[in-house]
Amino acid sequence: MSGSTRRLVIEPVTRVEGHGKVTILLDERQRVREARLHIVEFRGFERFVQGRPFWEVPVLVQRLCGICPVSHHLAASKAMDRIAGVDRLSPTAEKIRRLMHMGQIFQSHALHFFHLASPDLLFGFDADPSVRNVIGVARHHPELARQGVLMRKFGQEVIRATGGKRVHAIVAVPGGVNRSLDPADRERLRAEVPRMMTWAEDAVALARDYTLEHLEQLEEFGSFPSNHLGLVTADGDLELYDGLLRAIGEDGATLFDGVQNERYAELLAEEVRPWSYMKFPFIRSLGPERGWYRVGPLARLNVCRRIPTPRAEQARRAFFDALGGAPCHVTMAYHWARMIETLHAIEQIERLLDDPDIVGDDLLREGERRDEAVGVIEAPRGTLFHHYRVDANDQVVMANLIVSTTSNNEPMNRAVRQVAERHLAGRTEIDDGLLNHVEVAIRAYDPCLSCATHALGRMPLEVELRGADGALLDRRTRD
């Protein structure tokens, strides 16, 4: 770097899905001059699907990610329903899709909380990295680790029972689904619901207790006022599958509400910056400087007025009672919000398994063909947009995807800078605990960097700290 700055690099960020790096520039007084989260992968799926028949897209786009393929499968399917001229699915088709989606929410949230985030919460940000990992959780908290594994397994079984496979399902097709739920699978899943319900409530309590015990610290850790965006019902309830767009400002004032999915491009724009392959979305009316927003579990709790399942709604009320009301801007409260959604997901799974339509045989609808459509869904990590145009030969000619992690790009960058300013400025030596503080702030968002970019990345980590004169002050390497 120049003679007046030194650079700290964290590459890759660990315990997230996909690969990225962080660079922090310090001036001659050891103050943070710049801090950025770089996405070093390139996503090509918006090009890959062009020229393909539209009915292939729901299967193709699942290959964006092995962690949340269901979200892409369903978002693309919702768009292709409209291309096929179908605005309303049969009750069985919609409930099969909703059940699979709830299984995805349940397993993905369990994976992140128990496998990726819990080592930081249980052992502390500065703990020895040989302990601060999922193996350490299994060794020191075996019952908790077992619960996490079995909760994720249950969610994957819901996906398998509805979609045919645990990864890369093949159930949703334009206009509906190609199968309903086997009665035997229905009974097997029903038998597991009580245990999953108890464990989900326990996870809410664990996240709540951690947040409240460390609240004074967490309120200042990577936290800042922001806009929030998510899907809600016409009555303002939390809606994860097929709602209306709602956004609020940092003071809770409504920015827009009741917006149909197809109008998203009127309200949102995407900015490109030269140092990242990931775009920076913003609300058009506010511009790129003020219009950036957060999505995901915390944002969804902030924008909704109620959760339509009793246990999760009780937990939501307790969340805002403890944190001073909505909107909540505490970044680390994402974990608590994520577990509230996990509880909501198992409540919805219980309802859907008891619904007779779930084993029905009315699977498909037909309509008048269209040339353009948008599908929007709440993926585990936040609002997911799929937008397609199709030509007269049924081939995709345009695709635009705004994934959850892309919407959280600017918030994650701000969290990195804020944590760097508080914890890294003035240091001349690197230790793993200090670097992990930056990663903890990023992990709160549960980013899926493969979804946001999609390419192979590098796993080794080497960090160099150099003085203003370019001399090497410290180096750390992680295999």
Protein backbone atom coordinates (compact mmCIF):
# COMPACT_ATOMS: atom_id res chain seq x y z
CA MET A 1 0.00 0.00 0.00
CA SER A 2 1.00 3.69 0.12
CA GLY A 3 3.50 5.03 2.63
CA SER A 4 0.73 6.33 4.89
CA THR A 5 -1.39 3.19 5.23
CA ARG A 6 -1.06 -0.46 6.13
CA ARG A 7 -3.40 -3.25 5.13
CA LEU A 8 -4.85 -6.16 7.10
CA VAL A 9 -6.39 -8.97 5.04
CA ILE A 10 -8.66 -11.78 6.26
CA GLU A 11 -9.06 -14.37 3.49
CA PRO A 12 -11.27 -16.33 3.46
CA VAL A 13 -13.87 -15.43 6.06
CA THR A 14 -14.54 -18.68 7.92
CA ARG A 15 -17.70 -20.49 9.04
CA VAL A 16 -19.85 -18.94 6.31
CA GLU A 17 -21.22 -20.54 3.14
CA GLY A 18 -18.93 -19.58 0.25
CA HIS A 19 -15.73 -17.55 0.13
CA GLY A 20 -14.93 -13.89 0.70
CA LYS A 21 -12.21 -11.75 2.21
CA VAL A 22 -11.95 -8.64 4.35
CA THR A 23 -9.42 -5.84 3.90
CA ILE A 24 -8.84 -3.21 6.56
CA LEU A 25 -6.68 -0.15 5.85
CA LEU A 26 -5.10 1.64 8.82
CA ASP A 27 -3.51 5.09 8.61
CA GLU A 28 -0.24 6.16 10.25
CA ARG A 29 -2.10 6.72 13.55
CA GLN A 30 -3.51 3.18 13.49
CA ARG A 31 -7.03 4.45 12.78
CA VAL A 32 -9.30 2.59 10.37
CA ARG A 33 -9.27 4.40 7.05
CA GLU A 34 -11.34 1.83 5.16
CA ALA A 35 -12.80 -1.62 5.82
CA ARG A 36 -14.42 -3.75 3.14
CA LEU A 37 -15.93 -7.17 2.68
CA HIS A 38 -14.82 -8.35 -0.77
CA ILE A 39 -16.68 -11.07 -2.62
CA VAL A 40 -13.97 -12.72 -4.67
CA GLU A 41 -16.14 -15.23 -6.50
CA PHE A 42 -18.03 -14.55 -9.73
CA ARG A 43 -21.62 -15.68 -10.20
CA GLY A 44 -22.62 -16.53 -13.74
CA PHE A 45 -26.06 -18.05 -13.34
CA GLU A 46 -27.90 -15.06 -14.75
CA ARG A 47 -26.05 -15.85 -17.98
CA PHE A 48 -26.06 -19.62 -17.66
CA VAL A 49 -29.85 -19.85 -17.79
CA GLN A 50 -30.19 -17.70 -20.90
CA GLY A 51 -31.12 -19.81 -23.88
CA ARG A 52 -32.58 -22.58 -21.72
CA PRO A 53 -36.28 -23.52 -21.86
CA PHE A 54 -38.14 -21.78 -19.06
CA TRP A 55 -39.40 -25.02 -17.52
CA GLU A 56 -35.79 -26.13 -16.88
CA VAL A 57 -34.94 -23.06 -14.80
CA PRO A 58 -36.37 -24.18 -11.40
CA VAL A 59 -34.05 -27.20 -11.52
CA LEU A 60 -31.03 -25.35 -12.94
CA VAL A 61 -30.91 -22.50 -10.44
CA GLN A 62 -30.77 -24.87 -7.47
CA ARG A 63 -27.14 -25.46 -8.40
CA LEU A 64 -26.40 -21.97 -7.14
CA CYS A 65 -26.05 -23.45 -3.68
CA GLY A 66 -26.15 -26.75 -1.80
CA ILE A 67 -27.30 -25.07 1.42
CA CYS A 68 -30.43 -23.25 0.22
CA PRO A 69 -31.37 -24.83 -3.14
CA VAL A 70 -35.04 -25.02 -2.10
CA SER A 71 -35.27 -21.24 -1.96
CA HIS A 72 -34.02 -20.85 -5.54
CA HIS A 73 -36.14 -23.77 -6.71
CA LEU A 74 -39.30 -22.17 -5.33
CA ALA A 75 -38.52 -18.56 -6.29
CA ALA A 76 -37.86 -19.63 -9.89
CA SER A 77 -40.95 -21.87 -9.84
CA LYS A 78 -43.11 -18.96 -8.71
CA ALA A 79 -41.82 -16.90 -11.63
CA MET A 80 -42.38 -19.75 -14.07
CA ASP A 81 -45.92 -20.28 -12.76
CA ARG A 82 -46.68 -16.79 -14.03
CA ILE A 83 -44.84 -17.40 -17.31
CA ALA A 84 -47.17 -20.39 -17.72
CA GLY A 85 -50.12 -18.10 -16.96
CA VAL A 86 -50.91 -19.53 -13.54
CA ASP A 87 -51.59 -16.96 -10.81
CA ARG A 88 -53.07 -19.32 -8.23
CA LEU A 89 -51.92 -22.88 -7.55
CA SER A 90 -54.15 -25.70 -6.40
CA PRO A 91 -54.39 -26.01 -2.59
CA THR A 92 -52.32 -29.19 -2.65
CA ALA A 93 -49.57 -27.70 -4.82
CA GLU A 94 -49.26 -24.56 -2.72
CA LYS A 95 -49.20 -26.50 0.57
CA ILE A 96 -46.60 -28.97 -0.72
CA ARG A 97 -44.37 -26.05 -1.67
CA ARG A 98 -44.99 -24.30 1.64
CA LEU A 99 -44.17 -27.45 3.57
CA MET A 100 -40.92 -27.91 1.69
CA HIS A 101 -40.09 -24.24 2.28
CA MET A 102 -40.70 -24.56 6.01
CA GLY A 103 -38.41 -27.61 6.06
CA GLN A 104 -35.75 -25.48 4.35
CA ILE A 105 -36.14 -22.64 6.87
CA PHE A 106 -35.96 -25.11 9.77
CA GLN A 107 -32.87 -26.99 8.60
CA SER A 108 -30.96 -23.94 7.38
CA HIS A 109 -31.50 -21.95 10.58
CA ALA A 110 -30.50 -24.97 12.66
CA LEU A 111 -27.35 -25.46 10.58
CA HIS A 112 -26.27 -21.86 11.00
CA PHE A 113 -27.10 -21.47 14.68
CA PHE A 114 -25.74 -24.77 16.01
CA HIS A 115 -22.87 -25.46 13.59
CA LEU A 116 -21.58 -22.03 12.53
CA ALA A 117 -22.59 -19.45 15.14
CA SER A 118 -22.82 -21.37 18.42
CA PRO A 119 -19.03 -21.78 18.89
CA ASP A 120 -18.73 -17.99 19.22
CA LEU A 121 -21.70 -17.74 21.56
CA LEU A 122 -20.75 -20.69 23.77
CA PHE A 123 -16.98 -20.17 24.04
CA GLY A 124 -16.56 -16.46 23.39
CA PHE A 125 -15.16 -14.50 20.46
CA ASP A 126 -11.60 -14.75 21.82
CA ALA A 127 -11.62 -18.45 22.64
CA ASP A 128 -8.90 -20.74 21.33
CA PRO A 129 -9.84 -21.64 17.72
CA SER A 130 -9.06 -25.29 18.46
CA VAL A 131 -12.10 -25.23 20.76
CA ARG A 132 -14.20 -22.56 19.04
CA ASN A 133 -15.66 -24.83 16.35
CA VAL A 134 -18.38 -27.41 15.88
CA ILE A 135 -16.11 -30.19 17.19
CA GLY A 136 -15.65 -28.16 20.36
CA VAL A 137 -19.42 -27.83 20.68
CA ALA A 138 -19.80 -31.61 20.32
CA ARG A 139 -17.12 -32.21 22.94
CA HIS A 140 -18.22 -29.68 25.56
CA HIS A 141 -21.97 -29.46 24.84
CA PRO A 142 -22.83 -32.88 23.39
CA GLU A 143 -26.58 -32.69 23.92
CA LEU A 144 -26.78 -29.30 22.24
CA ALA A 145 -24.72 -30.54 19.31
CA ARG A 146 -26.96 -33.61 19.01
CA GLN A 147 -30.06 -31.42 18.96
CA GLY A 148 -28.59 -29.28 16.19
CA VAL A 149 -27.76 -32.31 14.07
CA LEU A 150 -31.18 -33.91 14.53
CA MET A 151 -33.06 -30.65 13.93
CA ARG A 152 -31.25 -30.21 10.64
CA LYS A 153 -31.89 -33.85 9.76
CA PHE A 154 -35.62 -33.37 10.39
CA GLY A 155 -35.75 -30.33 8.12
CA GLN A 156 -33.95 -32.26 5.40
CA GLU A 157 -36.43 -35.12 5.80
CA VAL A 158 -39.27 -32.65 5.21
CA ILE A 159 -37.51 -31.56 2.01
CA ARG A 160 -36.99 -35.17 0.92
CA ALA A 161 -40.59 -36.14 1.61
CA THR A 162 -41.95 -33.20 -0.39
CA GLY A 163 -39.26 -32.72 -3.03
CA GLY A 164 -38.02 -36.24 -3.70
CA LYS A 165 -34.43 -35.49 -2.61
CA ARG A 166 -32.78 -33.74 0.33
CA VAL A 167 -30.70 -31.57 -2.02
CA HIS A 168 -31.84 -30.26 -5.42
CA ALA A 169 -35.52 -31.18 -5.24
CA ILE A 170 -37.52 -32.02 -8.35
CA VAL A 171 -41.08 -31.33 -7.23
CA ALA A 172 -42.05 -27.79 -8.31
CA VAL A 173 -42.96 -27.35 -11.97
CA PRO A 174 -44.60 -24.41 -13.79
CA GLY A 175 -48.19 -24.40 -12.61
CA GLY A 176 -47.83 -26.61 -9.55
CA VAL A 177 -46.05 -29.74 -8.37
CA ASN A 178 -45.52 -33.24 -9.70
CA ARG A 179 -46.23 -35.12 -6.46
CA SER A 180 -48.05 -34.85 -3.15
CA LEU A 181 -46.97 -36.12 0.24
CA ASP A 182 -46.87 -39.87 0.80
CA PRO A 183 -49.12 -40.75 3.79
CA ALA A 184 -46.36 -42.85 5.33
CA ASP A 185 -43.94 -39.91 5.21
CA ARG A 186 -46.64 -37.74 6.69
CA GLU A 187 -46.98 -39.99 9.72
CA ARG A 188 -43.23 -40.32 10.22
CA LEU A 189 -42.82 -36.54 10.20
CA ARG A 190 -45.80 -36.03 12.48
CA ALA A 191 -44.24 -38.32 15.07
CA GLU A 192 -41.13 -36.10 15.23
CA VAL A 193 -42.93 -32.77 15.55
CA PRO A 194 -43.31 -32.66 19.38
CA ARG A 195 -39.59 -33.20 19.95
CA MET A 196 -38.66 -30.61 17.29
CA MET A 197 -41.08 -28.13 18.84
CA THR A 198 -39.46 -28.52 22.25
CA TRP A 199 -35.96 -28.16 20.84
CA ALA A 200 -36.96 -25.10 18.83
CA GLU A 201 -38.29 -23.46 21.98
CA ASP A 202 -35.08 -24.39 23.78
CA ALA A 203 -33.06 -22.77 20.98
CA VAL A 204 -35.09 -19.58 21.28
CA ALA A 205 -34.35 -19.53 25.00
CA LEU A 206 -30.63 -20.11 24.40
CA ALA A 207 -30.39 -17.26 21.89
CA ARG A 208 -32.52 -15.00 24.11
CA ASP A 209 -30.46 -15.64 27.24
CA TYR A 210 -27.17 -15.07 25.42
CA THR A 211 -28.39 -11.81 23.88
CA LEU A 212 -29.75 -10.39 27.12
CA GLU A 213 -26.73 -11.47 29.16
CA HIS A 214 -24.37 -9.67 26.76
CA LEU A 215 -26.74 -6.92 25.59
CA GLU A 216 -24.60 -3.98 26.66
CA GLN A 217 -21.71 -5.32 24.58
CA LEU A 218 -23.86 -6.44 21.64
CA GLU A 219 -25.68 -3.13 21.28
CA GLU A 220 -22.35 -1.64 20.21
CA PHE A 221 -21.05 -4.62 18.24
CA GLY A 222 -21.53 -4.09 14.50
CA SER A 223 -24.88 -2.40 15.14
CA PHE A 224 -26.30 0.71 13.49
CA PRO A 225 -29.66 2.17 12.42
CA SER A 226 -30.87 0.98 9.02
CA ASN A 227 -33.83 0.45 6.73
CA HIS A 228 -35.42 -3.03 6.71
CA LEU A 229 -37.28 -4.96 3.99
CA GLY A 230 -39.33 -8.15 3.89
CA LEU A 231 -42.55 -9.87 2.82
CA VAL A 232 -45.78 -9.60 4.80
CA THR A 233 -49.41 -10.54 4.27
CA ALA A 234 -52.03 -7.93 3.39
CA ASP A 235 -52.68 -7.69 7.14
CA GLY A 236 -49.00 -7.22 7.96
CA ASP A 237 -48.31 -10.75 9.27
CA LEU A 238 -44.97 -12.47 8.73
CA GLU A 239 -45.11 -14.28 5.38
CA LEU A 240 -42.22 -16.42 4.17
CA TYR A 241 -43.63 -17.91 0.96
CA ASP A 242 -45.82 -15.50 -0.98
CA GLY A 243 -46.33 -12.05 0.51
CA LEU A 244 -46.25 -8.35 -0.36
CA LEU A 245 -43.13 -6.20 -0.13
CA ARG A 246 -42.86 -3.88 2.84
CA ALA A 247 -39.97 -1.60 3.85
CA ILE A 248 -39.50 0.58 6.91
CA GLY A 249 -36.99 3.26 7.77
CA GLU A 250 -34.58 3.29 10.69
CA ASP A 251 -37.26 5.00 12.82
CA GLY A 252 -39.91 2.40 11.91
CA ALA A 253 -41.79 4.66 9.52
CA THR A 254 -43.22 2.87 6.49
CA LEU A 255 -41.31 3.52 3.26
CA PHE A 256 -43.58 1.36 1.11
CA ASP A 257 -46.12 -1.36 1.82
CA GLY A 258 -48.44 -3.79 0.03
CA VAL A 259 -46.24 -3.85 -3.09
CA GLN A 260 -46.75 -6.71 -5.53
CA ASN A 261 -43.62 -8.70 -6.40
CA GLU A 262 -43.68 -7.66 -10.06
CA ARG A 263 -43.09 -4.02 -9.07
CA TYR A 264 -39.82 -4.63 -7.22
CA ALA A 265 -37.71 -2.94 -9.93
CA GLU A 266 -39.72 0.28 -9.55
CA LEU A 267 -38.63 0.45 -5.91
CA LEU A 268 -35.19 -1.15 -5.79
CA ALA A 269 -32.01 -0.56 -7.77
CA GLU A 270 -28.56 -2.15 -7.72
CA GLU A 271 -25.24 -0.32 -7.55
CA VAL A 272 -21.98 -1.82 -8.83
CA ARG A 273 -18.68 -1.13 -7.07
CA PRO A 274 -15.30 -2.05 -8.58
CA TRP A 275 -13.91 -3.97 -5.60
CA SER A 276 -16.64 -6.63 -5.28
CA TYR A 277 -18.46 -9.07 -7.56
CA MET A 278 -21.56 -8.57 -5.39
CA LYS A 279 -23.90 -5.67 -6.11
CA PHE A 280 -25.24 -3.14 -3.59
CA PRO A 281 -29.07 -2.86 -3.73
CA PHE A 282 -30.87 0.24 -2.46
CA ILE A 283 -34.33 1.80 -2.30
CA ARG A 284 -34.63 4.09 -5.31
CA SER A 285 -36.51 6.87 -3.56
CA LEU A 286 -33.71 7.24 -0.99
CA GLY A 287 -30.73 6.79 -3.32
CA PRO A 288 -27.61 4.64 -2.77
CA GLU A 289 -26.28 6.68 0.16
CA ARG A 290 -29.41 6.39 2.32
CA GLY A 291 -31.42 3.65 0.63
CA TRP A 292 -29.49 0.53 1.60
CA TYR A 293 -31.44 -1.89 3.78
CA ARG A 294 -31.26 -5.14 5.73
CA VAL A 295 -33.12 -8.38 5.03
CA GLY A 296 -33.36 -11.69 6.87
CA PRO A 297 -34.75 -12.79 10.25
CA LEU A 298 -34.13 -9.50 12.08
CA ALA A 299 -35.55 -7.42 9.23
CA ARG A 300 -38.58 -9.70 8.90
CA LEU A 301 -39.42 -9.33 12.58
CA ASN A 302 -39.02 -5.57 12.24
CA VAL A 303 -41.33 -5.17 9.24
CA CYS A 304 -44.11 -7.56 10.29
CA ARG A 305 -46.84 -6.68 12.77
CA ARG A 306 -47.49 -10.25 13.94
CA ILE A 307 -46.35 -13.85 13.48
CA PRO A 308 -49.38 -16.04 12.63
CA THR A 309 -48.39 -18.95 14.90
CA PRO A 310 -48.91 -18.65 18.67
CA ARG A 311 -45.58 -19.77 20.11
CA ALA A 312 -43.48 -17.76 17.69
CA GLU A 313 -45.71 -14.73 18.18
CA GLN A 314 -45.25 -14.95 21.93
CA ALA A 315 -41.49 -15.15 21.36
CA ARG A 316 -41.62 -12.15 19.00
CA ARG A 317 -43.38 -10.04 21.62
CA ALA A 318 -40.81 -11.05 24.23
CA PHE A 319 -38.04 -10.14 21.77
CA PHE A 320 -39.23 -6.55 21.32
CA ASP A 321 -40.22 -6.14 24.97
CA ALA A 322 -36.67 -6.99 25.99
CA LEU A 323 -34.92 -4.97 23.27
CA GLY A 324 -36.89 -1.74 23.51
CA GLY A 325 -39.46 -2.19 20.77
CA ALA A 326 -39.36 -2.21 16.98
CA PRO A 327 -37.34 -1.65 14.97
CA CYS A 328 -34.39 -3.39 16.58
CA HIS A 329 -30.99 -2.57 15.07
CA VAL A 330 -28.81 -4.90 17.18
CA THR A 331 -26.94 -6.97 14.60
CA MET A 332 -26.24 -9.89 16.93
CA ALA A 333 -30.00 -10.11 17.62
CA TYR A 334 -30.21 -11.81 14.21
CA HIS A 335 -29.49 -15.07 16.07
CA TRP A 336 -32.44 -14.65 18.43
CA ALA A 337 -34.70 -13.65 15.54
CA ARG A 338 -33.47 -16.65 13.54
CA MET A 339 -34.50 -19.05 16.30
CA ILE A 340 -37.94 -17.40 16.57
CA GLU A 341 -38.39 -18.14 12.88
CA THR A 342 -37.25 -21.72 13.48
CA LEU A 343 -40.05 -22.06 16.03
CA HIS A 344 -42.50 -20.53 13.55
CA ALA A 345 -41.36 -23.00 10.89
CA ILE A 346 -42.06 -26.07 13.04
CA GLU A 347 -45.46 -24.66 14.00
CA GLN A 348 -46.26 -24.25 10.30
CA ILE A 349 -44.96 -27.74 9.55
CA GLU A 350 -47.30 -29.14 12.20
CA ARG A 351 -50.28 -27.29 10.67
CA LEU A 352 -49.47 -28.39 7.14
CA LEU A 353 -48.98 -32.03 8.09
CA ASP A 354 -52.46 -31.99 9.64
CA ASP A 355 -54.01 -30.48 6.49
CA PRO A 356 -55.81 -33.06 4.29
CA ASP A 357 -54.82 -31.17 1.13
CA ILE A 358 -51.20 -32.20 1.68
CA VAL A 359 -51.95 -35.71 0.39
CA GLY A 360 -54.35 -34.59 -2.35
CA ASP A 361 -54.07 -35.30 -6.07
CA ASP A 362 -54.98 -31.92 -7.60
CA LEU A 363 -51.46 -30.88 -8.55
CA LEU A 364 -51.41 -28.65 -11.66
CA ARG A 365 -53.08 -25.58 -13.12
CA GLU A 366 -52.85 -24.09 -16.63
CA GLY A 367 -53.19 -20.57 -17.99
CA GLU A 368 -52.34 -18.18 -20.80
CA ARG A 369 -48.62 -17.93 -21.58
CA ARG A 370 -46.71 -14.75 -20.62
CA ASP A 371 -43.29 -13.38 -21.56
CA GLU A 372 -42.06 -11.91 -18.26
CA ALA A 373 -42.48 -12.71 -14.58
CA VAL A 374 -41.02 -12.22 -11.12
CA GLY A 375 -40.89 -14.71 -8.26
CA VAL A 376 -40.10 -13.52 -4.72
CA ILE A 377 -39.73 -15.62 -1.59
CA GLU A 378 -38.24 -15.21 1.88
CA ALA A 379 -35.18 -17.45 1.83
CA PRO A 380 -33.62 -18.29 5.21
CA ARG A 381 -31.19 -15.40 4.79
CA GLY A 382 -33.74 -12.87 3.51
CA THR A 383 -35.81 -11.72 0.56
CA LEU A 384 -34.92 -13.47 -2.71
CA PHE A 385 -35.90 -12.05 -6.13
CA HIS A 386 -35.98 -14.02 -9.40
CA HIS A 387 -36.91 -12.05 -12.55
CA TYR A 388 -37.10 -13.62 -16.04
CA ARG A 389 -38.07 -12.78 -19.63
CA VAL A 390 -38.85 -15.55 -22.11
CA ASP A 391 -39.06 -15.37 -25.92
CA ALA A 392 -41.54 -16.92 -28.35
CA ASN A 393 -39.44 -20.10 -28.46
CA ASP A 394 -39.84 -20.59 -24.69
CA GLN A 395 -36.19 -19.70 -24.10
CA VAL A 396 -35.01 -17.45 -21.28
CA VAL A 397 -33.55 -14.22 -22.71
CA MET A 398 -33.07 -12.26 -19.45
CA ALA A 399 -32.55 -13.24 -15.84
CA ASN A 400 -31.93 -11.03 -12.82
CA LEU A 401 -31.46 -12.41 -9.33
CA ILE A 402 -31.17 -10.35 -6.17
CA VAL A 403 -30.29 -12.79 -3.42
CA SER A 404 -30.52 -12.19 0.30
CA THR A 405 -26.81 -11.80 0.88
CA THR A 406 -26.62 -9.20 -1.89
CA SER A 407 -29.20 -7.06 -0.11
CA ASN A 408 -27.18 -7.40 3.10
CA ASN A 409 -23.95 -6.42 1.33
CA GLU A 410 -23.82 -2.80 2.51
CA PRO A 411 -24.90 -3.68 6.10
CA MET A 412 -22.18 -6.34 6.31
CA ASN A 413 -19.59 -3.86 5.08
CA ARG A 414 -20.71 -1.34 7.68
CA ALA A 415 -20.56 -3.99 10.39
CA VAL A 416 -17.00 -4.88 9.34
CA ARG A 417 -15.91 -1.25 9.52
CA GLN A 418 -17.58 -0.63 12.87
CA VAL A 419 -16.03 -3.71 14.48
CA ALA A 420 -12.63 -2.91 12.95
CA GLU A 421 -12.75 0.63 14.33
CA ARG A 422 -13.54 -0.63 17.83
CA HIS A 423 -11.36 -3.73 18.04
CA LEU A 424 -8.50 -3.61 15.51
CA ALA A 425 -7.45 0.02 15.32
CA GLY A 426 -4.12 0.75 16.99
CA ARG A 427 -2.92 -2.87 16.96
CA THR A 428 0.54 -3.85 15.78
CA GLU A 429 0.07 -7.59 16.29
CA ILE A 430 -2.61 -9.95 15.05
CA ASP A 431 -4.29 -12.64 17.11
CA ASP A 432 -7.05 -14.99 16.05
CA GLY A 433 -9.53 -13.58 18.54
CA LEU A 434 -9.27 -10.09 17.06
CA LEU A 435 -9.79 -11.41 13.54
CA ASN A 436 -12.71 -13.49 14.73
CA HIS A 437 -14.48 -10.36 15.98
CA VAL A 438 -14.76 -9.23 12.35
CA GLU A 439 -15.97 -12.65 11.24
CA VAL A 440 -18.56 -12.81 14.04
CA ALA A 441 -20.18 -9.61 12.73
CA ILE A 442 -20.37 -11.08 9.23
CA ARG A 443 -21.66 -14.45 10.46
CA ALA A 444 -24.58 -12.77 12.22
CA TYR A 445 -26.10 -12.26 8.75
CA ASP A 446 -25.57 -15.94 7.84
CA PRO A 447 -24.25 -14.89 4.41
CA CYS A 448 -24.39 -17.31 1.51
CA LEU A 449 -21.58 -16.09 -0.72
CA SER A 450 -22.09 -18.86 -3.26
CA CYS A 451 -25.65 -17.68 -3.83
CA ALA A 452 -24.44 -14.12 -4.18
CA THR A 453 -21.64 -14.90 -6.64
CA HIS A 454 -21.09 -18.60 -7.42
CA ALA A 455 -17.63 -19.79 -8.34
CA LEU A 456 -14.90 -21.87 -6.78
CA GLY A 457 -12.90 -20.09 -4.09
CA ARG A 458 -9.72 -20.60 -2.06
CA MET A 459 -9.77 -22.04 1.42
CA PRO A 460 -6.29 -21.21 2.88
CA LEU A 461 -6.06 -18.09 5.05
CA GLU A 462 -2.98 -15.88 5.20
CA VAL A 463 -3.05 -12.48 6.89
CA GLU A 464 -0.19 -9.99 6.72
CA LEU A 465 0.08 -6.83 8.79
CA ARG A 466 2.47 -4.24 7.35
CA GLY A 467 3.56 -0.88 8.69
CA ALA A 468 3.24 2.44 6.91
CA ASP A 469 6.73 1.90 5.43
CA GLY A 470 5.70 -1.48 4.04
CA ALA A 471 7.69 -3.51 6.55
CA LEU A 472 6.10 -6.80 7.62
CA LEU A 473 4.93 -6.53 11.23
CA ASP A 474 3.11 -9.83 11.60
CA ARG A 475 1.84 -12.76 9.54
CA ARG A 476 -0.57 -15.54 10.39
CA THR A 477 -1.48 -18.53 8.25
CA ARG A 478 -4.40 -20.92 8.60
CA ASP A 479 -4.53 -24.11 6.49
